[in-house]
Amino acid sequence: MDIKYKELLKDQIIFVILPILAVGGLCYGIYLGGNELSKDTSEYIKQSTELTSQLQAKNQLEKRVAEQKAEVRDPDLKQVLELKGVNFGTEASFAPLFDNVIDVAKATGIRIRSVRYDYAPSGDPIFASKLKNYNVCELTATVVGKYSEIQSFLKTLLNERYLIGLSHVEIVSWRRDKTILIANLKIRFYTRTT
């Protein structure tokens, strides 16, 4: 029996080369997949970092909104009258506040003797900063009444929900009857229109 190694080797060469090629292809695939995996990993880390920063920013905004909502709910905190929906001019935006003053005057028995409106008060910081959609009006009024009536009028005005500032108060007694007082007031109103 003579074994022909050359012929056997020719027949078996496919079985030897095929596993070598398979192992080589597998190694090459792992190499390419490793590069893509590395790229995917770096992209994942980048996106994860961006997401973390966005979540932190969102949490800060939610915290700020919650603080603002808490401030709005605080009954002692004065608010600026905000008129939404309808476009109001500067003068018209103060109508609800003027109506309030008239109602308070009627309820407390005060008589309003003279009124002057100034829609551009020089010493007001809100007007000086020229904030968009914010309006300021200084109402100069002379009111007449007894001490208890003027006291009640001023207390009621200052307890109003909307931001009202007394920038000047001067009270003098009437010459003919000392129980009647004349008060010169400068009241500032603030509104916001959209």
C-alpha atoms as a PDB file:
ATOM      1  CA  MET A   1       0.000   0.000   0.000  1.00  0.00           C
ATOM      2  CA  ASP A   2       1.439   2.965  -1.205  1.00  0.00           C
ATOM      3  CA  ILE A   3      -0.089   6.165   0.187  1.00  0.00           C
ATOM      4  CA  LYS A   4      -0.085   9.090  -2.104  1.00  0.00           C
ATOM      5  CA  TYR A   5       0.341  12.009   0.185  1.00  0.00           C
ATOM      6  CA  LYS A   6       0.160  14.600  -2.546  1.00  0.00           C
ATOM      7  CA  GLU A   7      -3.268  13.528  -3.653  1.00  0.00           C
ATOM      8  CA  LEU A   8      -4.498  13.266  -0.102  1.00  0.00           C
ATOM      9  CA  LEU A   9      -3.136  16.709   0.621  1.00  0.00           C
ATOM     10  CA  LYS A  10      -4.904  18.105  -2.459  1.00  0.00           C
ATOM     11  CA  ASP A  11      -8.182  16.593  -1.304  1.00  0.00           C
ATOM     12  CA  GLN A  12      -7.709  17.804   2.290  1.00  0.00           C
ATOM     13  CA  ILE A  13      -6.349  21.296   1.503  1.00  0.00           C
ATOM     14  CA  ILE A  14      -9.873  22.700   1.403  1.00  0.00           C
ATOM     15  CA  PHE A  15     -10.484  21.440   4.928  1.00  0.00           C
ATOM     16  CA  VAL A  16      -7.291  23.127   6.150  1.00  0.00           C
ATOM     17  CA  ILE A  17      -7.667  26.452   4.287  1.00  0.00           C
ATOM     18  CA  LEU A  18     -11.366  26.844   5.028  1.00  0.00           C
ATOM     19  CA  PRO A  19     -10.927  26.999   8.875  1.00  0.00           C
ATOM     20  CA  ILE A  20      -7.934  29.334   8.477  1.00  0.00           C
ATOM     21  CA  LEU A  21     -10.000  31.673   6.281  1.00  0.00           C
ATOM     22  CA  ALA A  22     -12.942  31.437   8.691  1.00  0.00           C
ATOM     23  CA  VAL A  23     -10.739  32.320  11.688  1.00  0.00           C
ATOM     24  CA  GLY A  24      -9.111  35.169   9.719  1.00  0.00           C
ATOM     25  CA  GLY A  25     -12.504  36.557   8.654  1.00  0.00           C
ATOM     26  CA  LEU A  26     -13.754  36.294  12.207  1.00  0.00           C
ATOM     27  CA  CYS A  27     -10.724  38.196  13.532  1.00  0.00           C
ATOM     28  CA  TYR A  28     -11.137  40.861  10.839  1.00  0.00           C
ATOM     29  CA  GLY A  29     -14.862  41.191  11.717  1.00  0.00           C
ATOM     30  CA  ILE A  30     -14.051  41.526  15.403  1.00  0.00           C
ATOM     31  CA  TYR A  31     -11.485  44.206  14.546  1.00  0.00           C
ATOM     32  CA  LEU A  32     -14.008  46.195  12.479  1.00  0.00           C
ATOM     33  CA  GLY A  33     -16.751  45.671  15.023  1.00  0.00           C
ATOM     34  CA  GLY A  34     -14.421  46.794  17.803  1.00  0.00           C
ATOM     35  CA  ASN A  35     -13.749  50.077  15.999  1.00  0.00           C
ATOM     36  CA  GLU A  36     -17.467  50.656  15.524  1.00  0.00           C
ATOM     37  CA  LEU A  37     -18.100  49.639  19.117  1.00  0.00           C
ATOM     38  CA  SER A  38     -15.492  52.151  20.225  1.00  0.00           C
ATOM     39  CA  LYS A  39     -17.166  54.844  18.129  1.00  0.00           C
ATOM     40  CA  ASP A  40     -20.589  53.887  19.500  1.00  0.00           C
ATOM     41  CA  THR A  41     -19.263  53.954  23.066  1.00  0.00           C
ATOM     42  CA  SER A  42     -17.775  57.420  22.677  1.00  0.00           C
ATOM     43  CA  GLU A  43     -21.019  58.646  21.074  1.00  0.00           C
ATOM     44  CA  TYR A  44     -23.010  57.120  23.943  1.00  0.00           C
ATOM     45  CA  ILE A  45     -20.799  58.846  26.516  1.00  0.00           C
ATOM     46  CA  LYS A  46     -21.186  62.172  24.693  1.00  0.00           C
ATOM     47  CA  GLN A  47     -24.981  61.863  24.494  1.00  0.00           C
ATOM     48  CA  SER A  48     -25.155  60.744  28.113  1.00  0.00           C
ATOM     49  CA  THR A  49     -23.214  63.834  29.211  1.00  0.00           C
ATOM     50  CA  GLU A  50     -25.495  66.117  27.163  1.00  0.00           C
ATOM     51  CA  LEU A  51     -28.575  64.446  28.598  1.00  0.00           C
ATOM     52  CA  THR A  52     -27.281  64.852  32.153  1.00  0.00           C
ATOM     53  CA  SER A  53     -26.653  68.560  31.625  1.00  0.00           C
ATOM     54  CA  GLN A  54     -30.097  69.008  30.055  1.00  0.00           C
ATOM     55  CA  LEU A  55     -31.733  67.188  32.977  1.00  0.00           C
ATOM     56  CA  GLN A  56     -29.918  69.458  35.437  1.00  0.00           C
ATOM     57  CA  ALA A  57     -31.065  72.537  33.525  1.00  0.00           C
ATOM     58  CA  LYS A  58     -34.638  71.183  33.477  1.00  0.00           C
ATOM     59  CA  ASN A  59     -34.544  70.557  37.239  1.00  0.00           C
ATOM     60  CA  GLN A  60     -33.291  74.092  37.866  1.00  0.00           C
ATOM     61  CA  LEU A  61     -36.074  75.531  35.704  1.00  0.00           C
ATOM     62  CA  GLU A  62     -38.704  73.415  37.457  1.00  0.00           C
ATOM     63  CA  LYS A  63     -37.373  74.589  40.818  1.00  0.00           C
ATOM     64  CA  ARG A  64     -37.523  78.234  39.692  1.00  0.00           C
ATOM     65  CA  VAL A  65     -41.096  77.771  38.398  1.00  0.00           C
ATOM     66  CA  ALA A  66     -42.116  76.165  41.700  1.00  0.00           C
ATOM     67  CA  GLU A  67     -40.625  79.115  43.607  1.00  0.00           C
ATOM     68  CA  GLN A  68     -42.487  81.567  41.383  1.00  0.00           C
ATOM     69  CA  LYS A  69     -45.745  79.658  41.878  1.00  0.00           C
ATOM     70  CA  ALA A  70     -45.178  79.736  45.642  1.00  0.00           C
ATOM     71  CA  GLU A  71     -44.651  83.496  45.454  1.00  0.00           C
ATOM     72  CA  VAL A  72     -47.878  83.910  43.492  1.00  0.00           C
ATOM     73  CA  ARG A  73     -49.774  81.900  46.100  1.00  0.00           C
ATOM     74  CA  ASP A  74     -48.410  84.080  48.923  1.00  0.00           C
ATOM     75  CA  PRO A  75     -51.307  86.402  49.813  1.00  0.00           C
ATOM     76  CA  ASP A  76     -48.994  89.012  51.344  1.00  0.00           C
ATOM     77  CA  LEU A  77     -46.983  89.391  48.163  1.00  0.00           C
ATOM     78  CA  LYS A  78     -48.142  92.272  46.004  1.00  0.00           C
ATOM     79  CA  GLN A  79     -48.722  91.559  42.326  1.00  0.00           C
ATOM     80  CA  VAL A  80     -48.690  93.718  39.255  1.00  0.00           C
ATOM     81  CA  LEU A  81     -52.117  93.849  37.608  1.00  0.00           C
ATOM     82  CA  GLU A  82     -51.668  91.828  34.441  1.00  0.00           C
ATOM     83  CA  LEU A  83     -54.186  92.317  31.658  1.00  0.00           C
ATOM     84  CA  LYS A  84     -54.193  89.476  29.142  1.00  0.00           C
ATOM     85  CA  GLY A  85     -56.011  88.887  25.926  1.00  0.00           C
ATOM     86  CA  VAL A  86     -57.229  92.334  24.976  1.00  0.00           C
ATOM     87  CA  ASN A  87     -54.793  95.023  23.891  1.00  0.00           C
ATOM     88  CA  PHE A  88     -55.077  97.913  26.342  1.00  0.00           C
ATOM     89  CA  GLY A  89     -53.473 101.304  26.001  1.00  0.00           C
ATOM     90  CA  THR A  90     -51.460 102.727  28.870  1.00  0.00           C
ATOM     91  CA  GLU A  91     -54.342 104.803  30.243  1.00  0.00           C
ATOM     92  CA  ALA A  92     -56.963 102.074  29.846  1.00  0.00           C
ATOM     93  CA  SER A  93     -54.836  99.497  31.681  1.00  0.00           C
ATOM     94  CA  PHE A  94     -55.265 101.460  34.941  1.00  0.00           C
ATOM     95  CA  ALA A  95     -59.093 101.594  34.799  1.00  0.00           C
ATOM     96  CA  PRO A  96     -59.624  98.602  37.162  1.00  0.00           C
ATOM     97  CA  LEU A  97     -57.250 100.129  39.719  1.00  0.00           C
ATOM     98  CA  PHE A  98     -58.868 103.571  39.506  1.00  0.00           C
ATOM     99  CA  ASP A  99     -62.237 101.895  39.943  1.00  0.00           C
ATOM    100  CA  ASN A 100     -60.863 100.187  43.045  1.00  0.00           C
ATOM    101  CA  VAL A 101     -59.773 103.534  44.531  1.00  0.00           C
ATOM    102  CA  ILE A 102     -63.212 105.016  43.908  1.00  0.00           C
ATOM    103  CA  ASP A 103     -64.922 101.993  45.507  1.00  0.00           C
ATOM    104  CA  VAL A 104     -62.640 102.184  48.559  1.00  0.00           C
ATOM    105  CA  ALA A 105     -63.296 105.921  48.871  1.00  0.00           C
ATOM    106  CA  LYS A 106     -67.068 105.335  48.773  1.00  0.00           C
ATOM    107  CA  ALA A 107     -66.862 102.491  51.295  1.00  0.00           C
ATOM    108  CA  THR A 108     -64.784 104.505  53.776  1.00  0.00           C
ATOM    109  CA  GLY A 109     -66.693 107.781  53.421  1.00  0.00           C
ATOM    110  CA  ILE A 110     -63.781 109.736  51.912  1.00  0.00           C
ATOM    111  CA  ARG A 111     -64.526 112.571  49.513  1.00  0.00           C
ATOM    112  CA  ILE A 112     -62.090 112.995  46.625  1.00  0.00           C
ATOM    113  CA  ARG A 113     -61.547 116.693  45.952  1.00  0.00           C
ATOM    114  CA  SER A 114     -59.061 116.707  43.055  1.00  0.00           C
ATOM    115  CA  VAL A 115     -57.250 114.162  40.931  1.00  0.00           C
ATOM    116  CA  ARG A 116     -54.322 114.401  38.519  1.00  0.00           C
ATOM    117  CA  TYR A 117     -52.848 111.491  36.523  1.00  0.00           C
ATOM    118  CA  ASP A 118     -49.166 111.263  35.543  1.00  0.00           C
ATOM    119  CA  TYR A 119     -48.349 108.359  33.221  1.00  0.00           C
ATOM    120  CA  ALA A 120     -44.624 109.189  33.197  1.00  0.00           C
ATOM    121  CA  PRO A 121     -43.538 109.782  36.819  1.00  0.00           C
ATOM    122  CA  SER A 122     -39.939 110.946  36.833  1.00  0.00           C
ATOM    123  CA  GLY A 123     -38.771 109.317  40.058  1.00  0.00           C
ATOM    124  CA  ASP A 124     -40.167 105.844  39.490  1.00  0.00           C
ATOM    125  CA  PRO A 125     -37.569 103.083  38.892  1.00  0.00           C
ATOM    126  CA  ILE A 126     -39.946 100.939  36.797  1.00  0.00           C
ATOM    127  CA  PHE A 127     -40.688 103.839  34.461  1.00  0.00           C
ATOM    128  CA  ALA A 128     -37.001 104.830  34.330  1.00  0.00           C
ATOM    129  CA  SER A 129     -35.942 101.307  33.308  1.00  0.00           C
ATOM    130  CA  LYS A 130     -38.507 101.317  30.448  1.00  0.00           C
ATOM    131  CA  LEU A 131     -39.511  97.677  30.848  1.00  0.00           C
ATOM    132  CA  LYS A 132     -41.547  96.441  27.917  1.00  0.00           C
ATOM    133  CA  ASN A 133     -45.297  96.119  28.585  1.00  0.00           C
ATOM    134  CA  TYR A 134     -45.017  97.576  32.119  1.00  0.00           C
ATOM    135  CA  ASN A 135     -46.975 100.751  32.797  1.00  0.00           C
ATOM    136  CA  VAL A 136     -46.771 103.191  35.690  1.00  0.00           C
ATOM    137  CA  CYS A 137     -49.275 105.828  36.729  1.00  0.00           C
ATOM    138  CA  GLU A 138     -48.926 108.266  39.587  1.00  0.00           C
ATOM    139  CA  LEU A 139     -52.265 109.480  40.845  1.00  0.00           C
ATOM    140  CA  THR A 140     -52.073 112.774  42.746  1.00  0.00           C
ATOM    141  CA  ALA A 141     -55.256 113.201  44.747  1.00  0.00           C
ATOM    142  CA  THR A 142     -56.579 115.423  47.474  1.00  0.00           C
ATOM    143  CA  VAL A 143     -59.031 113.651  49.733  1.00  0.00           C
ATOM    144  CA  VAL A 144     -61.107 114.991  52.610  1.00  0.00           C
ATOM    145  CA  GLY A 145     -62.450 113.101  55.600  1.00  0.00           C
ATOM    146  CA  LYS A 146     -62.197 112.439  59.307  1.00  0.00           C
ATOM    147  CA  TYR A 147     -59.081 110.845  60.774  1.00  0.00           C
ATOM    148  CA  SER A 148     -60.696 107.397  61.044  1.00  0.00           C
ATOM    149  CA  GLU A 149     -61.985 107.597  57.450  1.00  0.00           C
ATOM    150  CA  ILE A 150     -58.579 108.543  56.020  1.00  0.00           C
ATOM    151  CA  GLN A 151     -56.911 105.860  58.122  1.00  0.00           C
ATOM    152  CA  SER A 152     -59.373 103.232  56.894  1.00  0.00           C
ATOM    153  CA  PHE A 153     -58.964 104.455  53.283  1.00  0.00           C
ATOM    154  CA  LEU A 154     -55.158 104.177  53.381  1.00  0.00           C
ATOM    155  CA  LYS A 155     -55.162 100.794  55.151  1.00  0.00           C
ATOM    156  CA  THR A 156     -57.642  99.362  52.660  1.00  0.00           C
ATOM    157  CA  LEU A 157     -55.612 100.664  49.713  1.00  0.00           C
ATOM    158  CA  LEU A 158     -52.391  99.188  51.072  1.00  0.00           C
ATOM    159  CA  ASN A 159     -54.079  95.827  51.711  1.00  0.00           C
ATOM    160  CA  GLU A 160     -55.132  95.567  48.076  1.00  0.00           C
ATOM    161  CA  ARG A 161     -53.867  92.544  46.176  1.00  0.00           C
ATOM    162  CA  TYR A 162     -52.231  94.548  43.424  1.00  0.00           C
ATOM    163  CA  LEU A 163     -49.067  96.555  43.731  1.00  0.00           C
ATOM    164  CA  ILE A 164     -49.909 100.042  44.901  1.00  0.00           C
ATOM    165  CA  GLY A 165     -47.310 102.365  46.325  1.00  0.00           C
ATOM    166  CA  LEU A 166     -47.849 105.505  48.352  1.00  0.00           C
ATOM    167  CA  SER A 167     -45.036 107.767  47.254  1.00  0.00           C
ATOM    168  CA  HIS A 168     -46.200 110.861  49.167  1.00  0.00           C
ATOM    169  CA  VAL A 169     -48.682 111.460  51.993  1.00  0.00           C
ATOM    170  CA  GLU A 170     -49.323 114.878  53.512  1.00  0.00           C
ATOM    171  CA  ILE A 171     -52.164 115.318  55.990  1.00  0.00           C
ATOM    172  CA  VAL A 172     -53.275 118.708  57.342  1.00  0.00           C
ATOM    173  CA  SER A 173     -56.349 119.720  59.307  1.00  0.00           C
ATOM    174  CA  TRP A 174     -58.988 121.977  57.829  1.00  0.00           C
ATOM    175  CA  ARG A 175     -58.899 125.549  59.208  1.00  0.00           C
ATOM    176  CA  ARG A 176     -62.637 125.764  59.921  1.00  0.00           C
ATOM    177  CA  ASP A 177     -63.066 122.353  61.567  1.00  0.00           C
ATOM    178  CA  LYS A 178     -60.039 120.620  63.094  1.00  0.00           C
ATOM    179  CA  THR A 179     -61.775 117.207  63.072  1.00  0.00           C
ATOM    180  CA  ILE A 180     -61.760 117.182  59.271  1.00  0.00           C
ATOM    181  CA  LEU A 181     -58.454 116.391  57.578  1.00  0.00           C
ATOM    182  CA  ILE A 182     -57.228 117.136  54.073  1.00  0.00           C
ATOM    183  CA  ALA A 183     -54.777 114.557  52.705  1.00  0.00           C
ATOM    184  CA  ASN A 184     -52.608 115.129  49.651  1.00  0.00           C
ATOM    185  CA  LEU A 185     -51.636 111.723  48.298  1.00  0.00           C
ATOM    186  CA  LYS A 186     -49.442 110.427  45.514  1.00  0.00           C
ATOM    187  CA  ILE A 187     -50.370 106.847  44.748  1.00  0.00           C
ATOM    188  CA  ARG A 188     -48.454 104.770  42.201  1.00  0.00           C
ATOM    189  CA  PHE A 189     -50.108 102.012  40.245  1.00  0.00           C
ATOM    190  CA  TYR A 190     -48.387  99.371  38.149  1.00  0.00           C
ATOM    191  CA  THR A 191     -49.886  97.300  35.339  1.00  0.00           C
ATOM    192  CA  ARG A 192     -48.605  94.916  32.726  1.00  0.00           C
ATOM    193  CA  THR A 193     -50.153  94.539  29.315  1.00  0.00           C
ATOM    194  CA  THR A 194     -49.468  91.732  26.856  1.00  0.00           C
END
